[in-house]
């Protein structure tokens, strides 16, 4: 799995784990639902948006 594919899968799992729809996540992150759909499909995602999504989903990333 590519890094983008991993990120997409983790975002989807975290969103579903919180019981959020794609629309709810999009509204909370200030992006369109279509953007969430693209990113969960494994398309490129801006790094700053990835950080925002993680924050909304209550996830942390540790960089070593």
N, C-alpha and C. Protein backbone atom coordinates (compact mmCIF):
# COMPACT_ATOMS: atom_id res chain seq x y z
N UNK A 1 0.85 -1.18 0.00
CA UNK A 1 0.00 0.00 0.00
C UNK A 1 0.89 1.24 0.00
N UNK A 2 0.51 2.22 -0.79
CA UNK A 2 1.29 3.46 -0.84
C UNK A 2 1.03 4.28 0.42
N UNK A 3 1.89 5.28 0.65
CA UNK A 3 1.68 6.15 1.81
C UNK A 3 0.35 6.88 1.71
N UNK A 4 0.00 7.32 0.52
CA UNK A 4 -1.29 8.00 0.35
C UNK A 4 -2.42 7.03 0.60
N UNK A 5 -2.30 5.80 0.11
CA UNK A 5 -3.33 4.80 0.36
C UNK A 5 -3.48 4.50 1.83
N UNK A 6 -2.36 4.44 2.55
CA UNK A 6 -2.40 4.22 4.00
C UNK A 6 -3.14 5.36 4.67
N UNK A 7 -2.80 6.59 4.33
CA UNK A 7 -3.43 7.76 4.94
C UNK A 7 -4.93 7.77 4.65
N UNK A 8 -5.29 7.47 3.42
CA UNK A 8 -6.70 7.45 3.04
C UNK A 8 -7.47 6.43 3.85
N UNK A 9 -6.90 5.25 4.00
CA UNK A 9 -7.55 4.19 4.76
C UNK A 9 -7.68 4.57 6.23
N UNK A 10 -6.66 5.17 6.79
CA UNK A 10 -6.70 5.58 8.20
C UNK A 10 -7.73 6.67 8.43
N UNK A 11 -7.84 7.60 7.52
CA UNK A 11 -8.84 8.67 7.66
C UNK A 11 -10.24 8.07 7.62
N UNK A 12 -10.48 7.18 6.67
CA UNK A 12 -11.80 6.55 6.58
C UNK A 12 -12.13 5.78 7.85
N UNK A 13 -11.17 4.98 8.33
CA UNK A 13 -11.40 4.20 9.55
C UNK A 13 -11.67 5.11 10.75
N UNK A 14 -10.90 6.17 10.88
CA UNK A 14 -11.08 7.09 12.00
C UNK A 14 -12.43 7.79 11.91
N UNK A 15 -12.81 8.20 10.70
CA UNK A 15 -14.10 8.87 10.51
C UNK A 15 -15.24 7.93 10.88
N UNK A 16 -15.18 6.72 10.38
CA UNK A 16 -16.23 5.74 10.68
C UNK A 16 -16.23 5.38 12.16
N UNK A 17 -15.05 5.30 12.76
CA UNK A 17 -14.95 4.99 14.19
C UNK A 17 -15.59 6.05 15.07
N UNK A 18 -15.60 7.29 14.59
CA UNK A 18 -16.24 8.37 15.33
C UNK A 18 -17.71 8.52 14.95
N UNK A 19 -18.17 7.66 14.04
CA UNK A 19 -19.57 7.73 13.62
C UNK A 19 -19.88 8.95 12.78
N UNK A 20 -18.87 9.47 12.08
CA UNK A 20 -19.06 10.67 11.27
C UNK A 20 -19.30 10.30 9.81
N UNK A 21 -20.15 11.05 9.18
CA UNK A 21 -20.33 10.92 7.74
C UNK A 21 -19.23 11.72 7.04
N UNK A 22 -19.09 11.50 5.75
CA UNK A 22 -18.13 12.31 5.00
C UNK A 22 -18.53 13.78 5.04
N UNK A 23 -19.82 14.04 5.01
CA UNK A 23 -20.31 15.42 5.06
C UNK A 23 -19.95 16.07 6.39
N UNK A 24 -20.15 15.35 7.49
CA UNK A 24 -19.84 15.90 8.81
C UNK A 24 -18.35 16.19 8.95
N UNK A 25 -17.50 15.28 8.46
CA UNK A 25 -16.06 15.50 8.52
C UNK A 25 -15.68 16.70 7.66
N UNK A 26 -16.26 16.79 6.49
CA UNK A 26 -15.96 17.92 5.59
C UNK A 26 -16.32 19.24 6.25
N UNK A 27 -17.49 19.31 6.86
CA UNK A 27 -17.91 20.54 7.52
C UNK A 27 -16.99 20.89 8.68
N UNK A 28 -16.61 19.90 9.47
CA UNK A 28 -15.73 20.14 10.62
C UNK A 28 -14.34 20.58 10.19
N UNK A 29 -13.88 20.10 9.03
CA UNK A 29 -12.54 20.42 8.55
C UNK A 29 -12.51 21.63 7.61
N UNK A 30 -13.69 22.11 7.24
CA UNK A 30 -13.76 23.28 6.35
C UNK A 30 -13.40 22.97 4.91
N UNK A 31 -13.74 21.77 4.46
CA UNK A 31 -13.49 21.37 3.07
C UNK A 31 -14.79 20.81 2.49
N UNK A 32 -14.78 20.51 1.21
CA UNK A 32 -15.99 19.96 0.59
C UNK A 32 -16.09 18.46 0.83
N UNK A 33 -17.30 17.96 0.74
CA UNK A 33 -17.52 16.51 0.86
C UNK A 33 -16.80 15.79 -0.27
N UNK A 34 -16.78 16.40 -1.43
CA UNK A 34 -16.10 15.82 -2.59
C UNK A 34 -14.61 15.64 -2.30
N UNK A 35 -14.01 16.60 -1.60
CA UNK A 35 -12.59 16.47 -1.22
C UNK A 35 -12.38 15.27 -0.33
N UNK A 36 -13.26 15.08 0.65
CA UNK A 36 -13.16 13.91 1.54
C UNK A 36 -13.26 12.63 0.71
N UNK A 37 -14.20 12.60 -0.23
CA UNK A 37 -14.35 11.42 -1.08
C UNK A 37 -13.07 11.14 -1.87
N UNK A 38 -12.49 12.17 -2.45
CA UNK A 38 -11.25 12.00 -3.21
C UNK A 38 -10.14 11.47 -2.32
N UNK A 39 -9.97 12.05 -1.16
CA UNK A 39 -8.87 11.67 -0.27
C UNK A 39 -9.06 10.26 0.25
N UNK A 40 -10.29 9.88 0.56
CA UNK A 40 -10.53 8.51 1.02
C UNK A 40 -10.34 7.51 -0.11
N UNK A 41 -10.39 7.98 -1.34
CA UNK A 41 -10.14 7.12 -2.50
C UNK A 41 -8.64 7.01 -2.79
N UNK A 42 -7.82 7.73 -2.02
CA UNK A 42 -6.38 7.62 -2.18
C UNK A 42 -5.74 8.66 -3.07
N UNK A 43 -6.47 9.71 -3.38
CA UNK A 43 -5.89 10.78 -4.20
C UNK A 43 -5.06 11.70 -3.33
N UNK A 44 -4.17 12.44 -3.97
CA UNK A 44 -3.28 13.35 -3.23
C UNK A 44 -4.05 14.29 -2.33
N UNK A 45 -3.45 14.56 -1.18
CA UNK A 45 -4.06 15.43 -0.18
C UNK A 45 -3.03 16.43 0.30
N UNK A 46 -3.38 17.72 0.38
CA UNK A 46 -2.44 18.70 0.91
C UNK A 46 -2.07 18.36 2.36
N UNK A 47 -0.80 18.53 2.70
CA UNK A 47 -0.31 18.18 4.03
C UNK A 47 -1.04 18.96 5.12
N UNK A 48 -1.28 20.24 4.90
CA UNK A 48 -1.97 21.03 5.93
C UNK A 48 -3.40 20.53 6.14
N UNK A 49 -4.04 20.07 5.09
CA UNK A 49 -5.38 19.52 5.22
C UNK A 49 -5.34 18.19 5.96
N UNK A 50 -4.33 17.38 5.69
CA UNK A 50 -4.18 16.12 6.41
C UNK A 50 -4.06 16.38 7.90
N UNK A 51 -3.28 17.37 8.27
CA UNK A 51 -3.11 17.72 9.69
C UNK A 51 -4.44 18.17 10.29
N UNK A 52 -5.22 18.94 9.54
CA UNK A 52 -6.53 19.39 10.03
C UNK A 52 -7.46 18.21 10.22
N UNK A 53 -7.49 17.30 9.27
CA UNK A 53 -8.36 16.12 9.39
C UNK A 53 -7.98 15.29 10.62
N UNK A 54 -6.68 15.11 10.83
CA UNK A 54 -6.24 14.36 12.01
C UNK A 54 -6.70 15.04 13.29
N UNK A 55 -6.60 16.35 13.33
CA UNK A 55 -7.03 17.09 14.51
C UNK A 55 -8.53 16.91 14.74
N UNK A 56 -9.33 17.05 13.70
CA UNK A 56 -10.78 16.88 13.81
C UNK A 56 -11.12 15.48 14.28
N UNK A 57 -10.36 14.49 13.82
CA UNK A 57 -10.63 13.10 14.16
C UNK A 57 -9.99 12.68 15.49
N UNK A 58 -9.26 13.60 16.12
CA UNK A 58 -8.66 13.30 17.41
C UNK A 58 -7.46 12.37 17.32
N UNK A 59 -6.76 12.41 16.20
CA UNK A 59 -5.59 11.56 15.98
C UNK A 59 -4.33 12.39 16.08
N UNK A 60 -3.24 11.74 16.44
CA UNK A 60 -1.94 12.40 16.51
C UNK A 60 -0.96 11.66 15.62
N UNK A 61 -0.04 12.40 15.06
CA UNK A 61 1.01 11.80 14.24
C UNK A 61 2.34 12.12 14.89
N UNK A 62 3.15 11.10 15.04
CA UNK A 62 4.49 11.28 15.58
C UNK A 62 5.48 11.07 14.45
N UNK A 63 6.35 12.03 14.28
CA UNK A 63 7.36 11.94 13.24
C UNK A 63 8.69 11.67 13.91
N UNK A 64 9.36 10.62 13.47
CA UNK A 64 10.65 10.26 14.07
C UNK A 64 11.78 10.69 13.17
